[in-house]
PDB file of N, CA and C in Angstrom:
ATOM      1  N   MET A   1       0.711  -1.062  -0.038  1.00  0.00           N
ATOM      2  CA  MET A   1      -0.255  -0.304   0.182  1.00  0.00           C
ATOM      3  C   MET A   1       0.828   1.130  -0.006  1.00  0.00           C
ATOM      4  N   ALA A   2       0.555   2.255  -0.604  1.00  0.00           N
ATOM      5  CA  ALA A   2       0.572   3.905  -0.778  1.00  0.00           C
ATOM      6  C   ALA A   2       1.426   4.184   0.817  1.00  0.00           C
ATOM      7  N   LYS A   3       2.242   5.108   1.705  1.00  0.00           N
ATOM      8  CA  LYS A   3       2.380   5.879   2.225  1.00  0.00           C
ATOM      9  C   LYS A   3       2.295   7.589   1.451  1.00  0.00           C
ATOM     10  N   GLY A   4       2.248   7.935   2.715  1.00  0.00           N
ATOM     11  CA  GLY A   4       2.032   9.693   2.550  1.00  0.00           C
ATOM     12  C   GLY A   4       1.245  10.444   2.938  1.00  0.00           C
ATOM     13  N   ASN A   5       0.747  11.212   2.400  1.00  0.00           N
ATOM     14  CA  ASN A   5      -0.344  12.047   2.796  1.00  0.00           C
ATOM     15  C   ASN A   5      -1.539  10.803   2.581  1.00  0.00           C
ATOM     16  N   ASN A   6      -2.031  10.685   1.389  1.00  0.00           N
ATOM     17  CA  ASN A   6      -2.948   9.767   1.200  1.00  0.00           C
ATOM     18  C   ASN A   6      -3.551   8.913   2.509  1.00  0.00           C
ATOM     19  N   PRO A   7      -4.959   9.512   2.418  1.00  0.00           N
ATOM     20  CA  PRO A   7      -5.837   8.722   4.267  1.00  0.00           C
ATOM     21  C   PRO A   7      -6.046   6.769   3.952  1.00  0.00           C
ATOM     22  N   GLN A   8      -6.444   6.652   2.169  1.00  0.00           N
ATOM     23  CA  GLN A   8      -6.692   5.490   1.953  1.00  0.00           C
ATOM     24  C   GLN A   8      -5.004   5.182   2.293  1.00  0.00           C
ATOM     25  N   ALA A   9      -3.886   5.254   2.506  1.00  0.00           N
ATOM     26  CA  ALA A   9      -2.460   4.558   2.490  1.00  0.00           C
ATOM     27  C   ALA A   9      -2.648   4.422   4.211  1.00  0.00           C
ATOM     28  N   ARG A  10      -2.701   5.194   5.194  1.00  0.00           N
ATOM     29  CA  ARG A  10      -2.681   4.837   6.570  1.00  0.00           C
ATOM     30  C   ARG A  10      -3.723   3.596   7.328  1.00  0.00           C
ATOM     31  N   LYS A  11      -5.152   3.895   5.961  1.00  0.00           N
ATOM     32  CA  LYS A  11      -6.134   2.695   6.796  1.00  0.00           C
ATOM     33  C   LYS A  11      -6.142   1.485   6.322  1.00  0.00           C
ATOM     34  N   ASN A  12      -6.383   0.347   6.910  1.00  0.00           N
ATOM     35  CA  ASN A  12      -6.238  -0.987   6.478  1.00  0.00           C
ATOM     36  C   ASN A  12      -7.780  -1.075   5.547  1.00  0.00           C
ATOM     37  N   PRO A  13      -8.072  -1.854   5.026  1.00  0.00           N
ATOM     38  CA  PRO A  13      -9.084  -2.315   4.439  1.00  0.00           C
ATOM     39  C   PRO A  13     -10.018  -2.168   4.695  1.00  0.00           C
ATOM     40  N   ILE A  14     -11.154  -2.174   4.613  1.00  0.00           N
ATOM     41  CA  ILE A  14     -12.416  -2.605   5.126  1.00  0.00           C
ATOM     42  C   ILE A  14     -13.288  -4.085   4.593  1.00  0.00           C
ATOM     43  N   SER A  15     -13.341  -4.522   5.404  1.00  0.00           N
ATOM     44  CA  SER A  15     -14.304  -6.160   4.466  1.00  0.00           C
ATOM     45  C   SER A  15     -15.563  -6.011   4.735  1.00  0.00           C
ATOM     46  N   LEU A  16     -16.530  -5.909   3.571  1.00  0.00           N
ATOM     47  CA  LEU A  16     -17.730  -6.220   3.320  1.00  0.00           C
ATOM     48  C   LEU A  16     -18.190  -7.394   2.934  1.00  0.00           C
ATOM     49  N   LEU A  17     -19.250  -7.598   4.262  1.00  0.00           N
ATOM     50  CA  LEU A  17     -20.076  -9.101   3.896  1.00  0.00           C
ATOM     51  C   LEU A  17     -21.170  -9.025   3.192  1.00  0.00           C
ATOM     52  N   LEU A  18     -21.801  -9.247   2.575  1.00  0.00           N
ATOM     53  CA  LEU A  18     -22.716  -8.623   1.310  1.00  0.00           C
ATOM     54  C   LEU A  18     -23.332 -10.253   1.578  1.00  0.00           C
ATOM     55  N   VAL A  19     -24.671 -10.114   2.417  1.00  0.00           N
ATOM     56  CA  VAL A  19     -25.604 -11.643   2.747  1.00  0.00           C
ATOM     57  C   VAL A  19     -26.637 -11.086   1.750  1.00  0.00           C
ATOM     58  N   GLU A  20     -27.649 -12.678   1.820  1.00  0.00           N
ATOM     59  CA  GLU A  20     -27.892 -13.357   0.796  1.00  0.00           C
ATOM     60  C   GLU A  20     -29.391 -12.995   1.482  1.00  0.00           C
ATOM     61  N   GLY A  21     -30.170 -13.661   2.924  1.00  0.00           N
ATOM     62  CA  GLY A  21     -31.227 -12.812   2.897  1.00  0.00           C
ATOM     63  C   GLY A  21     -31.239 -12.339   4.842  1.00  0.00           C
ATOM     64  N   GLU A  22     -32.236 -12.770   5.410  1.00  0.00           N
ATOM     65  CA  GLU A  22     -32.130 -12.036   6.858  1.00  0.00           C
ATOM     66  C   GLU A  22     -32.196 -13.475   7.374  1.00  0.00           C
ATOM     67  N   THR A  23     -31.917 -14.270   7.114  1.00  0.00           N
ATOM     68  CA  THR A  23     -31.092 -15.684   8.383  1.00  0.00           C
ATOM     69  C   THR A  23     -29.740 -14.892   8.585  1.00  0.00           C
ATOM     70  N   ASP A  24     -29.301 -15.128   7.208  1.00  0.00           N
ATOM     71  CA  ASP A  24     -27.821 -14.899   6.714  1.00  0.00           C
ATOM     72  C   ASP A  24     -27.281 -13.551   7.504  1.00  0.00           C
ATOM     73  N   GLU A  25     -27.892 -12.494   7.778  1.00  0.00           N
ATOM     74  CA  GLU A  25     -28.239 -10.921   8.074  1.00  0.00           C
ATOM     75  C   GLU A  25     -27.337 -11.462  10.042  1.00  0.00           C
ATOM     76  N   ILE A  26     -28.909 -12.039  10.510  1.00  0.00           N
ATOM     77  CA  ILE A  26     -28.270 -12.429  11.631  1.00  0.00           C
ATOM     78  C   ILE A  26     -27.425 -13.149  11.739  1.00  0.00           C
ATOM     79  N   PHE A  27     -27.113 -14.216  10.897  1.00  0.00           N
ATOM     80  CA  PHE A  27     -26.107 -15.315  11.472  1.00  0.00           C
ATOM     81  C   PHE A  27     -24.474 -14.521  11.288  1.00  0.00           C
ATOM     82  N   TYR A  28     -24.165 -13.545  10.030  1.00  0.00           N
ATOM     83  CA  TYR A  28     -22.645 -12.975   9.931  1.00  0.00           C
ATOM     84  C   TYR A  28     -22.857 -12.055  10.519  1.00  0.00           C
ATOM     85  N   LYS A  29     -23.655 -11.018  11.533  1.00  0.00           N
ATOM     86  CA  LYS A  29     -23.390 -10.335  12.521  1.00  0.00           C
ATOM     87  C   LYS A  29     -23.092 -10.612  14.049  1.00  0.00           C
ATOM     88  N   ARG A  30     -23.630 -12.130  14.260  1.00  0.00           N
ATOM     89  CA  ARG A  30     -23.450 -12.712  15.298  1.00  0.00           C
ATOM     90  C   ARG A  30     -21.642 -13.554  14.905  1.00  0.00           C
ATOM     91  N   ILE A  31     -21.155 -14.138  13.672  1.00  0.00           N
ATOM     92  CA  ILE A  31     -20.020 -13.982  13.134  1.00  0.00           C
ATOM     93  C   ILE A  31     -19.221 -12.430  13.669  1.00  0.00           C
ATOM     94  N   LYS A  32     -19.740 -11.730  13.421  1.00  0.00           N
ATOM     95  CA  LYS A  32     -18.620 -10.083  13.469  1.00  0.00           C
ATOM     96  C   LYS A  32     -18.599 -10.237  14.901  1.00  0.00           C
ATOM     97  N   SER A  33     -19.920  -9.832  15.387  1.00  0.00           N
ATOM     98  CA  SER A  33     -19.771  -9.693  16.947  1.00  0.00           C
ATOM     99  C   SER A  33     -18.733 -10.501  17.861  1.00  0.00           C
ATOM    100  N   ASP A  34     -18.577 -11.590  17.184  1.00  0.00           N
ATOM    101  CA  ASP A  34     -17.984 -12.989  18.152  1.00  0.00           C
ATOM    102  C   ASP A  34     -16.624 -13.364  17.699  1.00  0.00           C
ATOM    103  N   PHE A  35     -16.525 -12.674  16.168  1.00  0.00           N
ATOM    104  CA  PHE A  35     -15.450 -13.150  15.645  1.00  0.00           C
ATOM    105  C   PHE A  35     -14.420 -12.698  15.232  1.00  0.00           C
ATOM    106  N   LEU A  36     -14.753 -11.688  14.555  1.00  0.00           N
ATOM    107  CA  LEU A  36     -14.234  -9.804  13.543  1.00  0.00           C
ATOM    108  C   LEU A  36     -14.380  -8.973  14.258  1.00  0.00           C
ATOM    109  N   SER A  37     -14.849  -9.109  15.544  1.00  0.00           N
ATOM    110  CA  SER A  37     -14.585  -7.270  16.146  1.00  0.00           C
ATOM    111  C   SER A  37     -13.297  -7.271  16.115  1.00  0.00           C
ATOM    112  N   ASP A  38     -12.028  -7.511  15.927  1.00  0.00           N
ATOM    113  CA  ASP A  38     -10.449  -7.046  15.874  1.00  0.00           C
ATOM    114  C   ASP A  38     -10.218  -6.750  14.695  1.00  0.00           C
ATOM    115  N   ILE A  39     -10.768  -6.473  13.910  1.00  0.00           N
ATOM    116  CA  ILE A  39     -10.951  -6.338  12.364  1.00  0.00           C
ATOM    117  C   ILE A  39     -12.131  -5.098  11.843  1.00  0.00           C
ATOM    118  N   ARG A  40     -11.821  -4.099  10.983  1.00  0.00           N
ATOM    119  CA  ARG A  40     -12.381  -3.838  10.031  1.00  0.00           C
ATOM    120  C   ARG A  40     -13.764  -4.470   8.956  1.00  0.00           C
ATOM    121  N   CYS A  41     -14.799  -4.601   9.727  1.00  0.00           N
ATOM    122  CA  CYS A  41     -15.176  -5.400   9.083  1.00  0.00           C
ATOM    123  C   CYS A  41     -17.040  -4.705   9.239  1.00  0.00           C
ATOM    124  N   THR A  42     -18.213  -4.436   8.263  1.00  0.00           N
ATOM    125  CA  THR A  42     -19.008  -4.576   8.429  1.00  0.00           C
ATOM    126  C   THR A  42     -20.089  -5.551   7.162  1.00  0.00           C
ATOM    127  N   VAL A  43     -21.426  -5.666   7.793  1.00  0.00           N
ATOM    128  CA  VAL A  43     -22.240  -6.334   7.612  1.00  0.00           C
ATOM    129  C   VAL A  43     -23.483  -5.668   6.542  1.00  0.00           C
ATOM    130  N   LEU A  44     -23.220  -5.873   5.365  1.00  0.00           N
ATOM    131  CA  LEU A  44     -24.240  -5.163   4.535  1.00  0.00           C
ATOM    132  C   LEU A  44     -25.608  -5.921   4.425  1.00  0.00           C
ATOM    133  N   GLY A  45     -26.604  -5.289   4.938  1.00  0.00           N
ATOM    134  CA  GLY A  45     -26.898  -6.190   4.789  1.00  0.00           C
ATOM    135  C   GLY A  45     -28.286  -6.811   3.943  1.00  0.00           C
ATOM    136  N   ASN A  46     -29.299  -7.071   4.174  1.00  0.00           N
ATOM    137  CA  ASN A  46     -29.326  -8.151   2.994  1.00  0.00           C
ATOM    138  C   ASN A  46     -30.167  -7.659   1.362  1.00  0.00           C
ATOM    139  N   LEU A  47     -29.192  -9.193   0.066  1.00  0.00           N
ATOM    140  CA  LEU A  47     -29.132  -9.211  -1.091  1.00  0.00           C
ATOM    141  C   LEU A  47     -31.159  -9.053  -1.281  1.00  0.00           C
ATOM    142  N   GLN A  48     -31.865  -9.726  -0.476  1.00  0.00           N
ATOM    143  CA  GLN A  48     -33.119  -9.928  -0.577  1.00  0.00           C
ATOM    144  C   GLN A  48     -33.056 -11.635  -1.609  1.00  0.00           C
ATOM    145  N   GLY A  49     -32.376 -12.016  -1.586  1.00  0.00           N
ATOM    146  CA  GLY A  49     -32.221 -13.227  -2.290  1.00  0.00           C
ATOM    147  C   GLY A  49     -31.015 -13.133  -3.715  1.00  0.00           C
ATOM    148  N   LEU A  50     -31.581 -14.746  -4.054  1.00  0.00           N
ATOM    149  CA  LEU A  50     -30.645 -15.326  -4.938  1.00  0.00           C
ATOM    150  C   LEU A  50     -30.423 -14.747  -6.512  1.00  0.00           C
ATOM    151  N   PHE A  51     -31.470 -14.003  -6.567  1.00  0.00           N
ATOM    152  CA  PHE A  51     -32.072 -12.841  -8.301  1.00  0.00           C
ATOM    153  C   PHE A  51     -31.550 -11.758  -7.870  1.00  0.00           C
ATOM    154  N   ASN A  52     -30.467 -12.214  -9.623  1.00  0.00           N
ATOM    155  CA  ASN A  52     -29.932 -11.027  -9.821  1.00  0.00           C
ATOM    156  C   ASN A  52     -28.848 -11.036  -8.630  1.00  0.00           C
ATOM    157  N   ILE A  53     -28.009 -11.827  -8.318  1.00  0.00           N
ATOM    158  CA  ILE A  53     -27.392 -11.757  -7.481  1.00  0.00           C
ATOM    159  C   ILE A  53     -26.285 -11.154  -7.510  1.00  0.00           C
ATOM    160  N   ASN A  54     -25.656 -11.488  -8.816  1.00  0.00           N
ATOM    161  CA  ASN A  54     -23.996 -10.870  -9.045  1.00  0.00           C
ATOM    162  C   ASN A  54     -24.512  -8.916  -9.258  1.00  0.00           C
ATOM    163  N   LYS A  55     -25.202  -8.764 -10.301  1.00  0.00           N
ATOM    164  CA  LYS A  55     -25.855  -7.252 -10.238  1.00  0.00           C
ATOM    165  C   LYS A  55     -25.765  -6.679  -8.607  1.00  0.00           C
ATOM    166  N   LYS A  56     -26.719  -7.290  -7.979  1.00  0.00           N
ATOM    167  CA  LYS A  56     -26.976  -7.077  -6.707  1.00  0.00           C
ATOM    168  C   LYS A  56     -25.252  -6.941  -5.934  1.00  0.00           C
ATOM    169  N   ILE A  57     -24.276  -7.480  -5.920  1.00  0.00           N
ATOM    170  CA  ILE A  57     -23.216  -7.882  -5.495  1.00  0.00           C
ATOM    171  C   ILE A  57     -22.659  -6.526  -6.112  1.00  0.00           C
ATOM    172  N   ILE A  58     -22.584  -6.102  -7.654  1.00  0.00           N
ATOM    173  CA  ILE A  58     -21.597  -5.005  -8.057  1.00  0.00           C
ATOM    174  C   ILE A  58     -22.173  -3.599  -8.012  1.00  0.00           C
ATOM    175  N   ASN A  59     -23.410  -3.897  -7.436  1.00  0.00           N
ATOM    176  CA  ASN A  59     -24.124  -2.566  -6.830  1.00  0.00           C
ATOM    177  C   ASN A  59     -23.970  -1.819  -5.621  1.00  0.00           C
ATOM    178  N   GLN A  60     -23.795  -2.883  -4.485  1.00  0.00           N
ATOM    179  CA  GLN A  60     -23.056  -2.773  -3.514  1.00  0.00           C
ATOM    180  C   GLN A  60     -22.074  -2.827  -3.248  1.00  0.00           C
ATOM    181  N   THR A  61     -21.402  -2.874  -4.027  1.00  0.00           N
ATOM    182  CA  THR A  61     -20.006  -2.554  -4.222  1.00  0.00           C
ATOM    183  C   THR A  61     -19.663  -1.063  -4.506  1.00  0.00           C
ATOM    184  N   ASN A  62     -20.779  -0.611  -5.670  1.00  0.00           N
ATOM    185  CA  ASN A  62     -20.503   0.107  -6.250  1.00  0.00           C
ATOM    186  C   ASN A  62     -21.295   1.366  -5.314  1.00  0.00           C
ATOM    187  N   SER A  63     -22.205   1.272  -4.433  1.00  0.00           N
ATOM    188  CA  SER A  63     -22.567   2.140  -3.797  1.00  0.00           C
ATOM    189  C   SER A  63     -21.761   2.179  -2.131  1.00  0.00           C
ATOM    190  N   TYR A  64     -21.295   1.291  -1.910  1.00  0.00           N
ATOM    191  CA  TYR A  64     -20.311   1.441  -1.133  1.00  0.00           C
ATOM    192  C   TYR A  64     -19.456   2.383  -1.097  1.00  0.00           C
ATOM    193  N   LEU A  65     -18.753   2.247  -2.380  1.00  0.00           N
ATOM    194  CA  LEU A  65     -16.932   3.092  -2.880  1.00  0.00           C
ATOM    195  C   LEU A  65     -17.812   4.685  -2.809  1.00  0.00           C
ATOM    196  N   GLU A  66     -19.067   4.724  -3.713  1.00  0.00           N
ATOM    197  CA  GLU A  66     -19.202   6.175  -3.764  1.00  0.00           C
ATOM    198  C   GLU A  66     -19.707   6.580  -2.261  1.00  0.00           C
ATOM    199  N   HIS A  67     -20.113   6.123  -1.684  1.00  0.00           N
ATOM    200  CA  HIS A  67     -20.384   6.977  -0.109  1.00  0.00           C
ATOM    201  C   HIS A  67     -19.308   6.537   1.182  1.00  0.00           C
ATOM    202  N   HIS A  68     -18.466   6.012   0.315  1.00  0.00           N
ATOM    203  CA  HIS A  68     -16.685   6.169   1.493  1.00  0.00           C
ATOM    204  C   HIS A  68     -15.955   5.788   0.124  1.00  0.00           C
ATOM    205  N   LYS A  69     -15.424   7.004   0.243  1.00  0.00           N
ATOM    206  CA  LYS A  69     -14.634   7.272  -0.756  1.00  0.00           C
ATOM    207  C   LYS A  69     -13.011   7.696  -0.442  1.00  0.00           C
ATOM    208  N   ASP A  70     -13.136   7.216   1.437  1.00  0.00           N
ATOM    209  CA  ASP A  70     -11.587   7.143   1.613  1.00  0.00           C
ATOM    210  C   ASP A  70     -10.749   5.846   1.865  1.00  0.00           C
ATOM    211  N   GLU A  71     -11.936   4.798   1.404  1.00  0.00           N
ATOM    212  CA  GLU A  71     -11.543   3.136   2.237  1.00  0.00           C
ATOM    213  C   GLU A  71     -11.064   2.382   0.407  1.00  0.00           C
ATOM    214  N   ASN A  72     -11.088   1.843   0.719  1.00  0.00           N
ATOM    215  CA  ASN A  72     -10.171   0.269   0.470  1.00  0.00           C
ATOM    216  C   ASN A  72     -10.775  -0.597   0.885  1.00  0.00           C
ATOM    217  N   ILE A  73     -10.965  -1.964  -0.353  1.00  0.00           N
ATOM    218  CA  ILE A  73     -12.807  -2.586   0.497  1.00  0.00           C
ATOM    219  C   ILE A  73     -11.968  -3.709   0.009  1.00  0.00           C
ATOM    220  N   ARG A  74     -12.346  -5.087   0.794  1.00  0.00           N
ATOM    221  CA  ARG A  74     -12.868  -6.865   0.813  1.00  0.00           C
ATOM    222  C   ARG A  74     -13.757  -6.758   0.510  1.00  0.00           C
ATOM    223  N   VAL A  75     -14.147  -7.590  -0.477  1.00  0.00           N
ATOM    224  CA  VAL A  75     -15.528  -7.864  -0.456  1.00  0.00           C
ATOM    225  C   VAL A  75     -16.213  -9.467  -0.410  1.00  0.00           C
ATOM    226  N   TYR A  76     -16.731  -9.677   0.761  1.00  0.00           N
ATOM    227  CA  TYR A  76     -16.680 -11.249   1.062  1.00  0.00           C
ATOM    228  C   TYR A  76     -18.640 -11.349   0.324  1.00  0.00           C
ATOM    229  N   CYS A  77     -19.256 -12.391  -0.554  1.00  0.00           N
ATOM    230  CA  CYS A  77     -20.077 -12.676  -0.747  1.00  0.00           C
ATOM    231  C   CYS A  77     -20.849 -14.272  -0.156  1.00  0.00           C
ATOM    232  N   CYS A  78     -21.480 -13.419   0.754  1.00  0.00           N
ATOM    233  CA  CYS A  78     -22.348 -14.764   1.946  1.00  0.00           C
ATOM    234  C   CYS A  78     -23.350 -15.413   1.338  1.00  0.00           C
ATOM    235  N   LEU A  79     -23.339 -16.151   0.809  1.00  0.00           N
ATOM    236  CA  LEU A  79     -24.111 -16.832   0.293  1.00  0.00           C
ATOM    237  C   LEU A  79     -24.622 -18.399   0.901  1.00  0.00           C
ATOM    238  N   ASP A  80     -25.543 -19.041   0.718  1.00  0.00           N
ATOM    239  CA  ASP A  80     -25.443 -20.189   1.170  1.00  0.00           C
ATOM    240  C   ASP A  80     -26.672 -21.288  -0.272  1.00  0.00           C
ATOM    241  N   THR A  81     -25.999 -22.668  -0.289  1.00  0.00           N
ATOM    242  CA  THR A  81     -26.767 -23.978  -1.189  1.00  0.00           C
ATOM    243  C   THR A  81     -27.919 -23.827  -1.123  1.00  0.00           C
ATOM    244  N   GLU A  82     -28.876 -23.941  -1.921  1.00  0.00           N
ATOM    245  CA  GLU A  82     -30.403 -23.890  -1.424  1.00  0.00           C
ATOM    246  C   GLU A  82     -30.080 -26.001  -1.404  1.00  0.00           C
ATOM    247  N   SER A  83     -29.390 -26.573  -2.196  1.00  0.00           N
ATOM    248  CA  SER A  83     -29.071 -28.149  -1.570  1.00  0.00           C
ATOM    249  C   SER A  83     -27.585 -28.111  -1.469  1.00  0.00           C
ATOM    250  N   ARG A  84     -27.533 -29.412  -0.570  1.00  0.00           N
ATOM    251  CA  ARG A  84     -26.456 -29.834  -0.668  1.00  0.00           C
ATOM    252  C   ARG A  84     -25.082 -30.166  -1.553  1.00  0.00           C
ATOM    253  N   ASN A  85     -25.448 -30.185  -3.012  1.00  0.00           N
ATOM    254  CA  ASN A  85     -24.595 -30.765  -4.018  1.00  0.00           C
ATOM    255  C   ASN A  85     -24.461 -29.008  -5.067  1.00  0.00           C
ATOM    256  N   SER A  86     -25.360 -28.404  -5.116  1.00  0.00           N
ATOM    257  CA  SER A  86     -25.633 -27.521  -5.544  1.00  0.00           C
ATOM    258  C   SER A  86     -24.778 -26.314  -5.657  1.00  0.00           C
ATOM    259  N   PRO A  87     -24.006 -25.433  -6.552  1.00  0.00           N
ATOM    260  CA  PRO A  87     -24.163 -24.327  -5.992  1.00  0.00           C
ATOM    261  C   PRO A  87     -25.359 -22.931  -6.286  1.00  0.00           C
ATOM    262  N   PRO A  88     -24.757 -21.660  -6.046  1.00  0.00           N
ATOM    263  CA  PRO A  88     -25.606 -20.875  -5.539  1.00  0.00           C
ATOM    264  C   PRO A  88     -26.513 -21.015  -6.782  1.00  0.00           C
ATOM    265  N   PRO A  89     -27.678 -20.802  -7.157  1.00  0.00           N
ATOM    266  CA  PRO A  89     -28.000 -20.438  -8.758  1.00  0.00           C
ATOM    267  C   PRO A  89     -27.395 -19.354  -8.823  1.00  0.00           C
ATOM    268  N   GLU A  90     -27.423 -18.450 -10.552  1.00  0.00           N
ATOM    269  CA  GLU A  90     -26.644 -17.573 -10.934  1.00  0.00           C
ATOM    270  C   GLU A  90     -25.521 -17.071 -10.502  1.00  0.00           C
ATOM    271  N   PHE A  91     -25.184 -17.407  -9.302  1.00  0.00           N
ATOM    272  CA  PHE A  91     -23.810 -16.839  -8.981  1.00  0.00           C
ATOM    273  C   PHE A  91     -22.800 -17.293  -9.898  1.00  0.00           C
ATOM    274  N   ASP A  92     -21.915 -16.003 -10.000  1.00  0.00           N
ATOM    275  CA  ASP A  92     -20.845 -16.383 -10.728  1.00  0.00           C
ATOM    276  C   ASP A  92     -19.842 -14.935 -10.356  1.00  0.00           C
ATOM    277  N   LEU A  93     -19.013 -15.649  -9.563  1.00  0.00           N
ATOM    278  CA  LEU A  93     -17.950 -15.081  -8.998  1.00  0.00           C
ATOM    279  C   LEU A  93     -16.946 -14.165 -10.182  1.00  0.00           C
ATOM    280  N   GLU A  94     -16.509 -15.446 -11.199  1.00  0.00           N
ATOM    281  CA  GLU A  94     -15.464 -14.256 -12.200  1.00  0.00           C
ATOM    282  C   GLU A  94     -16.457 -13.536 -13.131  1.00  0.00           C
ATOM    283  N   ARG A  95     -18.017 -13.601 -13.681  1.00  0.00           N
ATOM    284  CA  ARG A  95     -17.700 -12.562 -13.959  1.00  0.00           C
ATOM    285  C   ARG A  95     -17.779 -11.266 -12.977  1.00  0.00           C
ATOM    286  N   ILE A  96     -17.725 -11.193 -11.452  1.00  0.00           N
ATOM    287  CA  ILE A  96     -18.447  -9.935 -10.378  1.00  0.00           C
ATOM    288  C   ILE A  96     -16.607  -9.669 -10.853  1.00  0.00           C
ATOM    289  N   LYS A  97     -15.988 -10.406 -10.275  1.00  0.00           N
ATOM    290  CA  LYS A  97     -14.385  -9.815 -10.485  1.00  0.00           C
ATOM    291  C   LYS A  97     -13.841  -9.288 -12.156  1.00  0.00           C
ATOM    292  N   LYS A  98     -14.447  -9.763 -13.324  1.00  0.00           N
ATOM    293  CA  LYS A  98     -14.405  -9.585 -14.353  1.00  0.00           C
ATOM    294  C   LYS A  98     -14.717  -8.296 -14.397  1.00  0.00           C
ATOM    295  N   TYR A  99     -15.827  -7.900 -13.945  1.00  0.00           N
ATOM    296  CA  TYR A  99     -16.770  -6.918 -13.907  1.00  0.00           C
ATOM    297  C   TYR A  99     -15.860  -5.403 -13.002  1.00  0.00           C
ATOM    298  N   ILE A 100     -15.083  -6.090 -11.948  1.00  0.00           N
ATOM    299  CA  ILE A 100     -14.316  -5.177 -11.199  1.00  0.00           C
ATOM    300  C   ILE A 100     -12.920  -4.321 -11.680  1.00  0.00           C
ATOM    301  N   ARG A 101     -12.331  -5.798 -12.746  1.00  0.00           N
ATOM    302  CA  ARG A 101     -11.178  -5.425 -13.380  1.00  0.00           C
ATOM    303  C   ARG A 101     -11.065  -4.474 -14.935  1.00  0.00           C
ATOM    304  N   ASP A 102     -12.471  -4.995 -15.581  1.00  0.00           N
ATOM    305  CA  ASP A 102     -13.221  -4.315 -16.026  1.00  0.00           C
ATOM    306  C   ASP A 102     -13.439  -2.720 -15.650  1.00  0.00           C
ATOM    307  N   GLU A 103     -14.101  -2.654 -14.895  1.00  0.00           N
ATOM    308  CA  GLU A 103     -14.416  -1.167 -15.271  1.00  0.00           C
ATOM    309  C   GLU A 103     -13.068  -0.132 -13.839  1.00  0.00           C
ATOM    310  N   SER A 104     -12.306  -1.364 -14.050  1.00  0.00           N
ATOM    311  CA  SER A 104     -11.108  -0.580 -12.819  1.00  0.00           C
ATOM    312  C   SER A 104     -12.003   0.445 -11.582  1.00  0.00           C
ATOM    313  N   ILE A 105     -12.010  -0.883 -11.134  1.00  0.00           N
ATOM    314  CA  ILE A 105     -12.446  -0.237  -9.753  1.00  0.00           C
ATOM    315  C   ILE A 105     -11.141  -0.614  -8.697  1.00  0.00           C
ATOM    316  N   THR A 106     -10.561  -0.020  -8.512  1.00  0.00           N
ATOM    317  CA  THR A 106      -9.476  -0.497  -7.947  1.00  0.00           C
ATOM    318  C   THR A 106      -8.888  -0.572  -6.832  1.00  0.00           C
ATOM    319  N   ARG A 107      -9.911   0.336  -6.083  1.00  0.00           N
ATOM    320  CA  ARG A 107     -10.651  -0.071  -4.314  1.00  0.00           C
ATOM    321  C   ARG A 107     -11.134  -0.923  -4.162  1.00  0.00           C
ATOM    322  N   THR A 108     -10.917  -1.745  -5.265  1.00  0.00           N
ATOM    323  CA  THR A 108     -11.085  -3.549  -4.359  1.00  0.00           C
ATOM    324  C   THR A 108     -10.316  -3.941  -4.710  1.00  0.00           C
ATOM    325  N   LEU A 109     -10.620  -4.724  -3.585  1.00  0.00           N
ATOM    326  CA  LEU A 109      -9.290  -5.129  -3.382  1.00  0.00           C
ATOM    327  C   LEU A 109      -9.289  -6.658  -4.310  1.00  0.00           C
ATOM    328  N   SER A 110     -10.244  -7.080  -3.307  1.00  0.00           N
ATOM    329  CA  SER A 110     -10.567  -8.918  -3.778  1.00  0.00           C
ATOM    330  C   SER A 110     -11.976  -9.073  -3.802  1.00  0.00           C
ATOM    331  N   VAL A 111     -12.270  -9.844  -4.414  1.00  0.00           N
ATOM    332  CA  VAL A 111     -13.855 -10.672  -4.085  1.00  0.00           C
ATOM    333  C   VAL A 111     -13.787 -11.823  -3.730  1.00  0.00           C
ATOM    334  N   ASP A 112     -14.440 -12.358  -2.749  1.00  0.00           N
ATOM    335  CA  ASP A 112     -14.318 -13.795  -2.788  1.00  0.00           C
ATOM    336  C   ASP A 112     -15.666 -14.026  -2.142  1.00  0.00           C
ATOM    337  N   SER A 113     -15.992 -15.598  -1.840  1.00  0.00           N
ATOM    338  CA  SER A 113     -17.472 -16.007  -1.850  1.00  0.00           C
ATOM    339  C   SER A 113     -17.222 -16.597  -0.930  1.00  0.00           C
ATOM    340  N   ILE A 114     -18.227 -16.938   0.415  1.00  0.00           N
ATOM    341  CA  ILE A 114     -17.904 -17.878   2.057  1.00  0.00           C
ATOM    342  C   ILE A 114     -19.814 -18.577   1.851  1.00  0.00           C
ATOM    343  N   THR A 115     -18.987 -19.649   1.105  1.00  0.00           N
ATOM    344  CA  THR A 115     -20.813 -20.115   0.468  1.00  0.00           C
ATOM    345  C   THR A 115     -21.613 -21.602   1.708  1.00  0.00           C
ATOM    346  N   ALA A 116     -22.541 -21.187   2.691  1.00  0.00           N
ATOM    347  CA  ALA A 116     -21.905 -22.498   3.616  1.00  0.00           C
ATOM    348  C   ALA A 116     -23.311 -23.320   2.732  1.00  0.00           C
ATOM    349  N   THR A 117     -22.732 -24.762   3.071  1.00  0.00           N
ATOM    350  CA  THR A 117     -24.084 -25.548   3.257  1.00  0.00           C
ATOM    351  C   THR A 117     -24.676 -26.753   4.118  1.00  0.00           C
ATOM    352  N   GLN A 118     -25.462 -27.214   4.064  1.00  0.00           N
ATOM    353  CA  GLN A 118     -26.312 -27.608   5.324  1.00  0.00           C
ATOM    354  C   GLN A 118     -25.607 -28.694   5.643  1.00  0.00           C
TER     355      GLN A 118
END
């Protein structure tokens, strides 16, 4: 990370937990409180299910960056599988990463998924 008078250089990145639904929001807020209290982390409310999930994740990321111009972020897409063996429908992590790269959204340092299974 760059040093100097740049405020972004002095802050550690913040981890954004984008959660799929109401139950996930409750669960990840508890995880944040119990296990992640010593890191910069925020749970961004519920994405209202998996419909258009890629677009929702991109929009939430862009919106956060617009309102927090001094932040670098790491995005974690917190989803669950609808069955034991199948990935979340429509979710495409590579498509999201490609969009971030193509749009040169440089303050997004990484995008990863955390997928809960039954």
